[in-house]
């Protein structure tokens, strides 16, 4: 059993499979593997593959796992669950419920409404949640057990160097020039007269809907400044315990009754008019109109002057860039990292194409390493005029991977390889502790040859 990357396919709902099942007769399900008292069904494998294909639609170069690879993932998960139960690893009902709610919200966001979701799935929301419960708990137990096995695995500098020295020189990755950039972002505040004007507009929108002059969706199309409104018509699926949404928006949403429209609600993004579409316990579906009070040149100039004063204080040593980010940045994403822009792998060194916008790329081309820019005005991803200071902290030259410049990257890879070996050893040690059976259909799968060997030995013992 060669474990390079252990993955567990948790298919909670494959709509294409569900819909087809409603329209024509299908073969009865079949147990194709057993680990202890845990079963793998043919539908587990078929649905997982269908789900991968559905998620890969429209994407190029996506490799769909084979049935043998899916089976390997299922067997690994079952074994981990058995060991987790044996070791009394506890998963709370609250954790399970939160995971179920999160998955339901994803589906509601995807299909637009509770009614459409239930029609496509052929089941009520309540039934779907119950269907998910066992699978999600099982997945969480497997994750916790895997983490327990590798939790204390560390790697030493000597092991990192040994790992690196085994890589053929021609196989070492090439890295483009990368930059380390910090930013202090501030959104200029509109004056109170402008805010009052926007509030009056929103109140007028609410009046038009309540008097039957128009409907909420039409107003979303005409006036909402939320960039996502074109795709979702201002609709969001919320859960009271979710932390990703603005607290004021969440509070305003859950105070409403179904069909009711709120008074204007102020959030960090602007002012919202919120309509509650439906609610079930801590879950709600809402539509909203976002209006962003326009910013005048005066507010922009005030913000530029303030940031320029901070820049001067940094130059004179009165403060540091990180301190000022923590005090004044309006960017939640970088506020608690000293303003550092991170890549997809969490590294603070990024390629130019990973920078948040073209304006920053152009700015950096005119700066030298170690410089802090003058306040720069740009338009953020929500269409707001924003001002920032940019600290060009470091620059690397294009290079082949080496231990001096890329130690952290090499160490991360080496650690993952070590963890994989630990997992492989763990399975080889524990696999014989379980009753295992594998259906003939999967006996030839190379990926599960260790599992098949144990299963066949058990079959021989039964025969004798």
Protein backbone atom coordinates (compact mmCIF):
# COMPACT_ATOMS: atom_id res chain seq x y z
CA UNK A 1 0.00 0.00 0.00
CA UNK A 2 1.69 3.19 -1.18
CA UNK A 3 0.19 6.25 0.46
CA UNK A 4 1.46 9.45 -1.11
CA UNK A 5 -1.59 11.58 -0.42
CA UNK A 6 -4.36 10.14 1.68
CA UNK A 7 -7.74 11.45 0.56
CA UNK A 8 -11.22 10.52 1.68
CA UNK A 9 -14.10 10.92 -0.72
CA UNK A 10 -17.17 11.99 1.20
CA UNK A 11 -20.05 12.11 -1.26
CA UNK A 12 -23.06 13.54 0.51
CA UNK A 13 -25.28 14.19 -2.46
CA UNK A 14 -24.90 13.58 -6.18
CA UNK A 15 -27.88 15.18 -7.84
CA UNK A 16 -27.36 13.61 -11.25
CA UNK A 17 -27.52 10.17 -9.64
CA UNK A 18 -30.55 11.10 -7.56
CA UNK A 19 -32.48 12.45 -10.53
CA UNK A 20 -31.71 9.46 -12.73
CA UNK A 21 -32.84 7.14 -9.95
CA UNK A 22 -36.19 8.86 -9.91
CA UNK A 23 -36.73 8.40 -13.63
CA UNK A 24 -35.68 4.81 -14.24
CA UNK A 25 -35.07 1.54 -12.44
CA UNK A 26 -31.55 1.05 -11.07
CA UNK A 27 -29.66 -2.01 -9.91
CA UNK A 28 -29.94 -2.82 -6.23
CA UNK A 29 -27.01 -1.61 -4.16
CA UNK A 30 -24.31 -4.09 -3.21
CA UNK A 31 -21.70 -4.42 -0.46
CA UNK A 32 -18.33 -4.46 -2.25
CA UNK A 33 -16.03 -4.32 0.79
CA UNK A 34 -16.11 -4.79 4.54
CA UNK A 35 -13.74 -3.48 7.21
CA UNK A 36 -14.74 -4.71 10.64
CA UNK A 37 -18.41 -3.83 10.95
CA UNK A 38 -18.17 -1.05 8.36
CA UNK A 39 -19.41 -1.58 4.80
CA UNK A 40 -18.48 0.00 1.47
CA UNK A 41 -21.34 0.02 -1.04
CA UNK A 42 -21.10 0.10 -4.80
CA UNK A 43 -23.11 3.34 -4.68
CA UNK A 44 -20.39 4.88 -2.45
CA UNK A 45 -17.88 4.46 -5.27
CA UNK A 46 -20.25 5.32 -8.13
CA UNK A 47 -21.59 8.43 -6.39
CA UNK A 48 -18.10 9.61 -5.50
CA UNK A 49 -16.98 9.41 -9.12
CA UNK A 50 -20.16 11.15 -10.31
CA UNK A 51 -19.58 13.89 -7.73
CA UNK A 52 -15.98 14.42 -8.83
CA UNK A 53 -17.14 14.68 -12.45
CA UNK A 54 -19.84 17.18 -11.51
CA UNK A 55 -17.35 19.37 -9.64
CA UNK A 56 -14.85 19.16 -12.50
CA UNK A 57 -17.30 20.39 -15.16
CA UNK A 58 -15.87 23.35 -17.06
CA UNK A 59 -12.37 22.87 -15.64
CA UNK A 60 -9.41 21.73 -17.71
CA UNK A 61 -6.79 19.23 -16.62
CA UNK A 62 -8.78 17.81 -13.70
CA UNK A 63 -7.96 14.15 -13.07
CA UNK A 64 -10.94 12.10 -11.91
CA UNK A 65 -9.98 9.35 -9.41
CA UNK A 66 -10.43 5.78 -10.65
CA UNK A 67 -12.81 3.32 -8.94
CA UNK A 68 -9.75 1.61 -7.42
CA UNK A 69 -8.52 4.88 -5.93
CA UNK A 70 -11.97 5.65 -4.56
CA UNK A 71 -12.10 2.19 -3.02
CA UNK A 72 -8.72 2.75 -1.37
CA UNK A 73 -9.98 5.99 0.16
CA UNK A 74 -13.11 4.27 1.43
CA UNK A 75 -11.15 1.40 3.02
CA UNK A 76 -8.74 3.80 4.70
CA UNK A 77 -11.60 5.85 6.06
CA UNK A 78 -13.40 2.80 7.47
CA UNK A 79 -10.22 1.59 9.21
CA UNK A 80 -9.58 5.01 10.73
CA UNK A 81 -13.17 5.21 11.97
CA UNK A 82 -12.86 1.79 13.63
CA UNK A 83 -9.64 2.84 15.36
CA UNK A 84 -11.16 6.18 16.39
CA UNK A 85 -14.06 4.34 18.02
CA UNK A 86 -11.62 1.98 19.74
CA UNK A 87 -9.56 4.94 21.02
CA UNK A 88 -12.75 6.69 22.22
CA UNK A 89 -12.20 9.75 20.06
CA UNK A 90 -15.23 11.94 20.59
CA UNK A 91 -17.00 14.03 17.97
CA UNK A 92 -19.68 16.25 19.44
CA UNK A 93 -23.14 16.47 17.97
CA UNK A 94 -22.60 20.21 17.71
CA UNK A 95 -19.59 19.68 15.42
CA UNK A 96 -21.58 17.28 13.27
CA UNK A 97 -24.59 19.58 13.12
CA UNK A 98 -22.44 22.59 12.16
CA UNK A 99 -20.86 20.57 9.34
CA UNK A 100 -24.30 19.43 8.13
CA UNK A 101 -25.61 22.99 8.18
CA UNK A 102 -22.57 24.20 6.27
CA UNK A 103 -23.10 21.61 3.53
CA UNK A 104 -26.80 22.42 3.27
CA UNK A 105 -25.95 26.12 2.90
CA UNK A 106 -23.58 25.27 0.05
CA UNK A 107 -26.36 23.43 -1.75
CA UNK A 108 -28.87 26.22 -1.09
CA UNK A 109 -26.40 28.72 -2.52
CA UNK A 110 -25.85 26.50 -5.54
CA UNK A 111 -29.52 25.83 -6.30
CA UNK A 112 -30.95 29.17 -5.22
CA UNK A 113 -33.74 28.13 -2.90
CA UNK A 114 -34.97 25.47 -0.52
CA UNK A 115 -37.75 24.49 -2.92
CA UNK A 116 -35.42 23.88 -5.87
CA UNK A 117 -32.97 21.93 -3.70
CA UNK A 118 -35.72 19.65 -2.40
CA UNK A 119 -37.16 19.15 -5.89
CA UNK A 120 -33.81 18.19 -7.39
CA UNK A 121 -32.81 15.93 -4.49
CA UNK A 122 -36.26 14.39 -4.17
CA UNK A 123 -36.00 14.77 -0.39
CA UNK A 124 -36.83 17.38 2.22
CA UNK A 125 -34.14 19.45 3.93
CA UNK A 126 -34.78 17.48 7.12
CA UNK A 127 -34.32 14.16 5.30
CA UNK A 128 -31.13 15.38 3.63
CA UNK A 129 -29.69 16.40 6.99
CA UNK A 130 -30.43 12.97 8.41
CA UNK A 131 -28.85 11.32 5.35
CA UNK A 132 -25.69 13.36 5.91
CA UNK A 133 -25.38 12.77 9.66
CA UNK A 134 -23.72 9.34 9.69
CA UNK A 135 -21.41 10.14 6.77
CA UNK A 136 -20.22 13.43 8.25
CA UNK A 137 -19.63 11.94 11.68
CA UNK A 138 -17.67 9.13 10.07
CA UNK A 139 -15.57 11.58 8.09
CA UNK A 140 -14.80 13.67 11.17
CA UNK A 141 -13.78 10.60 13.15
CA UNK A 142 -11.45 9.55 10.32
CA UNK A 143 -9.92 13.03 10.14
CA UNK A 144 -9.36 13.15 13.90
CA UNK A 145 -7.78 9.68 13.91
CA UNK A 146 -5.47 10.52 11.04
CA UNK A 147 -4.43 13.71 12.81
CA UNK A 148 -3.76 11.75 15.99
CA UNK A 149 -1.46 9.35 14.13
CA UNK A 150 0.69 12.10 12.60
CA UNK A 151 0.15 14.87 15.16
CA UNK A 152 3.53 14.47 16.85
CA UNK A 153 5.49 13.91 13.66
CA UNK A 154 8.24 16.52 13.40
CA UNK A 155 11.13 16.93 11.02
CA UNK A 156 14.71 17.94 11.74
CA UNK A 157 16.99 20.08 9.56
CA UNK A 158 19.11 16.97 8.95
CA UNK A 159 16.06 15.09 7.63
CA UNK A 160 15.14 18.04 5.41
CA UNK A 161 18.63 18.12 3.93
CA UNK A 162 18.62 14.35 3.41
CA UNK A 163 15.27 14.62 1.60
CA UNK A 164 16.57 17.49 -0.53
CA UNK A 165 19.81 15.70 -1.46
CA UNK A 166 17.82 12.76 -2.84
CA UNK A 167 16.10 14.98 -5.40
CA UNK A 168 17.78 14.88 -8.80
CA UNK A 169 19.10 18.28 -9.83
CA UNK A 170 17.08 18.20 -13.05
CA UNK A 171 13.91 17.62 -11.01
CA UNK A 172 14.30 20.64 -8.75
CA UNK A 173 11.50 23.17 -9.36
CA UNK A 174 12.21 26.56 -10.85
CA UNK A 175 10.78 29.60 -9.08
CA UNK A 176 9.97 32.89 -10.73
CA UNK A 177 10.90 36.17 -9.13
CA UNK A 178 8.78 36.58 -5.98
CA UNK A 179 7.96 39.57 -3.82
CA UNK A 180 7.16 40.02 -0.15
CA UNK A 181 4.63 42.83 0.15
CA UNK A 182 2.76 44.38 3.07
CA UNK A 183 -0.15 46.80 2.76
CA UNK A 184 -2.10 49.11 5.04
CA UNK A 185 -5.60 49.54 3.62
CA UNK A 186 -8.13 52.22 4.57
CA UNK A 187 -11.60 52.88 3.14
CA UNK A 188 -12.39 56.61 3.09
CA UNK A 189 -15.56 57.35 5.04
CA UNK A 190 -18.43 59.13 3.27
CA UNK A 191 -19.74 62.28 4.93
CA UNK A 192 -22.96 62.07 6.91
CA UNK A 193 -25.08 63.99 4.36
CA UNK A 194 -24.27 61.44 1.67
CA UNK A 195 -25.05 58.56 4.02
CA UNK A 196 -28.43 60.10 4.89
CA UNK A 197 -29.22 60.41 1.17
CA UNK A 198 -28.45 56.71 0.59
CA UNK A 199 -30.56 55.74 3.60
CA UNK A 200 -33.54 57.71 2.20
CA UNK A 201 -33.13 55.93 -1.16
CA UNK A 202 -33.24 52.53 0.55
CA UNK A 203 -36.30 53.53 2.54
CA UNK A 204 -37.98 54.50 -0.73
CA UNK A 205 -37.12 51.08 -2.23
CA UNK A 206 -38.78 49.38 0.75
CA UNK A 207 -41.87 51.57 0.34
CA UNK A 208 -42.14 50.65 -3.35
CA UNK A 209 -42.10 46.91 -2.56
CA UNK A 210 -44.54 47.18 0.33
CA UNK A 211 -46.98 49.17 -1.83
CA UNK A 212 -46.76 46.61 -4.64
CA UNK A 213 -45.19 49.08 -7.09
CA UNK A 214 -42.31 46.67 -7.85
CA UNK A 215 -40.68 43.54 -6.42
CA UNK A 216 -37.48 43.13 -4.46
CA UNK A 217 -35.65 41.18 -7.20
CA UNK A 218 -36.20 43.99 -9.71
CA UNK A 219 -34.71 46.52 -7.30
CA UNK A 220 -31.71 44.23 -6.75
CA UNK A 221 -31.09 44.20 -10.51
CA UNK A 222 -31.43 47.97 -10.81
CA UNK A 223 -29.66 49.28 -7.75
CA UNK A 224 -27.59 46.76 -5.78
CA UNK A 225 -23.84 47.43 -5.77
CA UNK A 226 -22.92 43.98 -4.48
CA UNK A 227 -20.68 42.44 -7.21
CA UNK A 228 -22.28 39.02 -6.66
CA UNK A 229 -25.81 40.28 -7.32
CA UNK A 230 -25.67 39.45 -11.03
CA UNK A 231 -25.13 35.78 -10.21
CA UNK A 232 -27.35 35.31 -7.17
CA UNK A 233 -29.84 38.22 -7.35
CA UNK A 234 -28.72 39.32 -3.91
CA UNK A 235 -29.54 35.99 -2.25
CA UNK A 236 -27.51 34.40 0.55
CA UNK A 237 -27.97 31.35 2.74
CA UNK A 238 -27.02 32.16 6.34
CA UNK A 239 -26.43 30.30 9.56
CA UNK A 240 -26.56 32.18 12.84
CA UNK A 241 -23.29 30.57 14.03
CA UNK A 242 -21.31 31.38 10.88
CA UNK A 243 -18.49 33.90 11.32
CA UNK A 244 -17.87 34.86 7.68
CA UNK A 245 -20.71 37.38 7.38
CA UNK A 246 -20.70 40.89 8.79
CA UNK A 247 -22.24 40.81 12.34
CA UNK A 248 -24.56 43.75 11.64
CA UNK A 249 -25.85 42.07 8.47
CA UNK A 250 -26.43 38.80 10.35
CA UNK A 251 -28.19 40.55 13.24
CA UNK A 252 -30.42 42.50 10.89
CA UNK A 253 -31.32 39.35 8.95
CA UNK A 254 -32.33 37.23 11.95
CA UNK A 255 -34.52 39.95 13.44
CA UNK A 256 -36.90 39.73 10.47
CA UNK A 257 -40.00 37.64 9.91
CA UNK A 258 -40.46 35.75 6.63
CA UNK A 259 -41.23 38.19 3.82
CA UNK A 260 -40.38 41.23 5.94
CA UNK A 261 -37.97 43.91 4.69
CA UNK A 262 -35.56 45.56 7.10
CA UNK A 263 -34.80 49.20 7.68
CA UNK A 264 -31.39 50.15 6.20
CA UNK A 265 -28.63 48.17 7.96
CA UNK A 266 -25.09 49.56 8.09
CA UNK A 267 -22.22 47.09 7.66
CA UNK A 268 -18.55 47.50 6.85
CA UNK A 269 -19.50 47.23 3.16
CA UNK A 270 -22.18 49.93 3.06
CA UNK A 271 -25.93 50.04 3.69
CA UNK A 272 -28.22 47.05 3.11
CA UNK A 273 -31.92 46.54 2.60
CA UNK A 274 -32.60 42.93 3.64
CA UNK A 275 -35.60 40.72 2.90
CA UNK A 276 -36.01 37.44 4.76
CA UNK A 277 -37.10 34.73 2.32
CA UNK A 278 -37.25 31.76 4.69
CA UNK A 279 -35.94 30.62 8.05
CA UNK A 280 -35.57 27.29 9.81
CA UNK A 281 -33.97 27.46 13.26
CA UNK A 282 -30.47 28.91 12.89
CA UNK A 283 -30.65 28.78 9.07
CA UNK A 284 -32.06 31.56 6.93
CA UNK A 285 -32.25 32.57 3.28
CA UNK A 286 -32.22 36.31 2.56
CA UNK A 287 -32.04 38.72 -0.35
CA UNK A 288 -30.39 42.10 -0.03
CA UNK A 289 -29.69 45.34 -1.84
CA UNK A 290 -26.32 46.94 -1.12
CA UNK A 291 -25.73 50.64 -1.60
CA UNK A 292 -22.27 52.08 -1.07
CA UNK A 293 -22.31 55.80 -0.18
CA UNK A 294 -20.18 57.56 -2.80
CA UNK A 295 -16.87 59.01 -1.67
CA UNK A 296 -15.84 62.55 -2.67
CA UNK A 297 -12.32 63.72 -3.38
CA UNK A 298 -12.30 65.50 -0.03
CA UNK A 299 -12.68 62.21 1.90
CA UNK A 300 -10.03 60.58 -0.28
CA UNK A 301 -7.61 63.47 0.33
CA UNK A 302 -8.22 63.29 4.10
CA UNK A 303 -7.38 59.58 4.10
CA UNK A 304 -4.27 60.17 1.99
CA UNK A 305 -3.06 62.84 4.42
CA UNK A 306 -3.61 60.52 7.38
CA UNK A 307 -1.70 57.66 5.73
CA UNK A 308 1.08 60.02 4.70
CA UNK A 309 1.51 61.05 8.35
CA UNK A 310 1.79 57.36 9.29
CA UNK A 311 4.39 56.87 6.56
CA UNK A 312 6.51 59.71 7.96
CA UNK A 313 6.29 58.27 11.49
CA UNK A 314 7.53 54.91 10.16
CA UNK A 315 10.48 56.60 8.43
CA UNK A 316 11.46 58.44 11.63
CA UNK A 317 11.26 55.26 13.71
CA UNK A 318 8.32 56.36 15.86
CA UNK A 319 6.33 53.28 14.87
CA UNK A 320 6.46 50.23 12.58
CA UNK A 321 4.43 49.27 9.57
CA UNK A 322 2.99 46.23 11.38
CA UNK A 323 1.86 48.28 14.36
CA UNK A 324 0.00 50.72 12.15
CA UNK A 325 -1.65 47.90 10.20
CA UNK A 326 -2.96 46.44 13.46
CA UNK A 327 -4.32 49.83 14.53
CA UNK A 328 -5.80 51.20 11.33
CA UNK A 329 -6.15 48.63 8.51
CA UNK A 330 -9.68 48.05 7.17
CA UNK A 331 -8.61 44.80 5.48
CA UNK A 332 -9.66 41.88 7.67
CA UNK A 333 -7.62 39.48 5.56
CA UNK A 334 -4.24 41.02 6.41
CA UNK A 335 -4.93 43.02 9.56
CA UNK A 336 -3.65 40.30 11.89
CA UNK A 337 -0.66 39.28 9.74
CA UNK A 338 1.03 42.68 9.76
CA UNK A 339 -0.47 43.43 6.36
CA UNK A 340 1.38 40.61 4.59
CA UNK A 341 -0.07 39.39 1.29
CA UNK A 342 -0.05 35.58 1.28
CA UNK A 343 -0.06 33.08 -1.55
CA UNK A 344 -2.31 30.05 -1.94
CA UNK A 345 0.18 27.95 0.04
CA UNK A 346 0.27 30.43 2.93
CA UNK A 347 3.71 31.74 2.00
CA UNK A 348 4.31 35.50 2.24
CA UNK A 349 6.45 35.31 -0.92
CA UNK A 350 4.21 35.50 -4.00
CA UNK A 351 4.52 35.77 -7.75
CA UNK A 352 3.45 39.00 -9.35
CA UNK A 353 0.36 37.28 -10.75
CA UNK A 354 -0.72 36.41 -7.19
CA UNK A 355 -0.86 40.05 -6.14
CA UNK A 356 -4.42 41.29 -5.45
CA UNK A 357 -4.68 43.76 -8.35
CA UNK A 358 -2.90 45.22 -11.38
CA UNK A 359 -2.46 48.60 -9.69
CA UNK A 360 -0.16 47.03 -7.13
CA UNK A 361 1.86 45.29 -9.84
CA UNK A 362 2.39 48.60 -11.65
CA UNK A 363 3.30 50.33 -8.38
CA UNK A 364 5.89 47.73 -7.39
CA UNK A 365 7.59 47.99 -10.78
CA UNK A 366 8.46 51.60 -9.89
CA UNK A 367 9.63 50.82 -6.32
CA UNK A 368 12.81 49.42 -4.81
CA UNK A 369 13.10 46.76 -2.14
CA UNK A 370 12.62 48.28 1.32
CA UNK A 371 10.54 51.26 0.15
CA UNK A 372 7.10 52.30 1.40
CA UNK A 373 4.91 53.89 -1.24
CA UNK A 374 3.11 57.19 -1.04
CA UNK A 375 -0.64 56.68 -0.37
CA UNK A 376 -2.13 54.98 -3.42
CA UNK A 377 -5.77 55.29 -4.48
CA UNK A 378 -7.28 52.21 -6.16
CA UNK A 379 -10.62 50.47 -6.61
CA UNK A 380 -10.99 47.28 -4.56
CA UNK A 381 -12.78 44.07 -5.57
CA UNK A 382 -16.11 45.46 -4.32
CA UNK A 383 -15.84 48.60 -6.43
CA UNK A 384 -14.94 50.91 -3.52
CA UNK A 385 -12.37 53.70 -3.81
CA UNK A 386 -9.68 52.72 -1.34
CA UNK A 387 -6.35 54.15 -0.18
CA UNK A 388 -3.32 52.14 0.92
CA UNK A 389 0.36 52.23 1.79
CA UNK A 390 2.44 49.49 0.18
CA UNK A 391 5.65 48.23 1.79
CA UNK A 392 7.92 46.48 -0.74
CA UNK A 393 9.74 44.37 1.84
CA UNK A 394 11.71 41.87 -0.23
CA UNK A 395 12.36 40.54 -3.74
CA UNK A 396 13.82 37.23 -4.85
CA UNK A 397 15.46 36.54 -8.19
CA UNK A 398 14.32 33.70 -10.47
CA UNK A 399 16.11 30.59 -9.27
CA UNK A 400 16.19 26.83 -9.03
CA UNK A 401 15.05 25.53 -5.66
CA UNK A 402 17.80 25.62 -3.04
CA UNK A 403 18.09 25.14 0.70
CA UNK A 404 19.05 28.75 1.44
CA UNK A 405 16.10 30.50 -0.20
CA UNK A 406 13.49 27.75 -0.13
CA UNK A 407 14.12 25.85 3.11
CA UNK A 408 10.53 26.27 4.35
CA UNK A 409 9.09 24.89 1.12
CA UNK A 410 11.42 21.90 1.13
CA UNK A 411 10.75 21.26 4.82
CA UNK A 412 6.98 21.32 4.26
CA UNK A 413 7.25 18.73 1.47
CA UNK A 414 9.64 16.58 3.48
CA UNK A 415 7.27 16.65 6.44
CA UNK A 416 4.35 15.51 4.28
CA UNK A 417 6.43 12.63 2.92
CA UNK A 418 7.37 11.62 6.46
CA UNK A 419 3.74 11.75 7.56
CA UNK A 420 2.75 9.60 4.58
CA UNK A 421 5.34 7.00 5.57
CA UNK A 422 4.09 7.03 9.15
CA UNK A 423 0.53 6.50 7.91
CA UNK A 424 1.66 3.71 5.61
CA UNK A 425 3.43 1.96 8.47
CA UNK A 426 0.41 2.42 10.71
CA UNK A 427 -1.91 0.77 8.19
CA UNK A 428 0.47 -2.13 7.56
CA UNK A 429 0.63 -2.70 11.30
CA UNK A 430 -3.12 -2.42 11.94
CA UNK A 431 -4.67 -3.78 8.76
CA UNK A 432 -4.44 -7.37 10.01
CA UNK A 433 -6.46 -6.43 13.10
CA UNK A 434 -9.65 -6.03 11.11
CA UNK A 435 -11.96 -8.41 9.35
CA UNK A 436 -11.65 -7.45 5.68
CA UNK A 437 -13.46 -8.66 2.60
CA UNK A 438 -13.10 -7.32 -0.95
CA UNK A 439 -15.50 -8.05 -3.80
CA UNK A 440 -14.08 -9.92 -6.81
CA UNK A 441 -14.73 -6.83 -8.92
CA UNK A 442 -11.89 -5.02 -7.09
CA UNK A 443 -9.48 -7.90 -6.52
CA UNK A 444 -7.17 -6.71 -9.30
CA UNK A 445 -6.79 -3.14 -7.99
CA UNK A 446 -3.10 -2.47 -7.37
CA UNK A 447 -3.97 0.40 -5.01
CA UNK A 448 -5.54 -1.97 -2.47
CA UNK A 449 -3.28 -5.01 -2.88
CA UNK A 450 -2.37 -5.04 0.86
CA UNK A 451 -6.04 -4.99 1.78
CA UNK A 452 -6.83 -7.72 -0.76
CA UNK A 453 -3.99 -9.87 0.59
CA UNK A 454 -5.41 -9.75 4.12
CA UNK A 455 -8.94 -10.40 2.83
CA UNK A 456 -7.81 -13.44 0.82
CA UNK A 457 -5.89 -14.84 3.80
CA UNK A 458 -9.05 -14.61 5.88
CA UNK A 459 -10.98 -16.39 3.14
CA UNK A 460 -8.41 -19.23 3.09
CA UNK A 461 -8.62 -19.60 6.86
CA UNK A 462 -12.39 -19.91 6.61
CA UNK A 463 -12.02 -22.57 3.90
CA UNK A 464 -9.65 -24.63 6.04
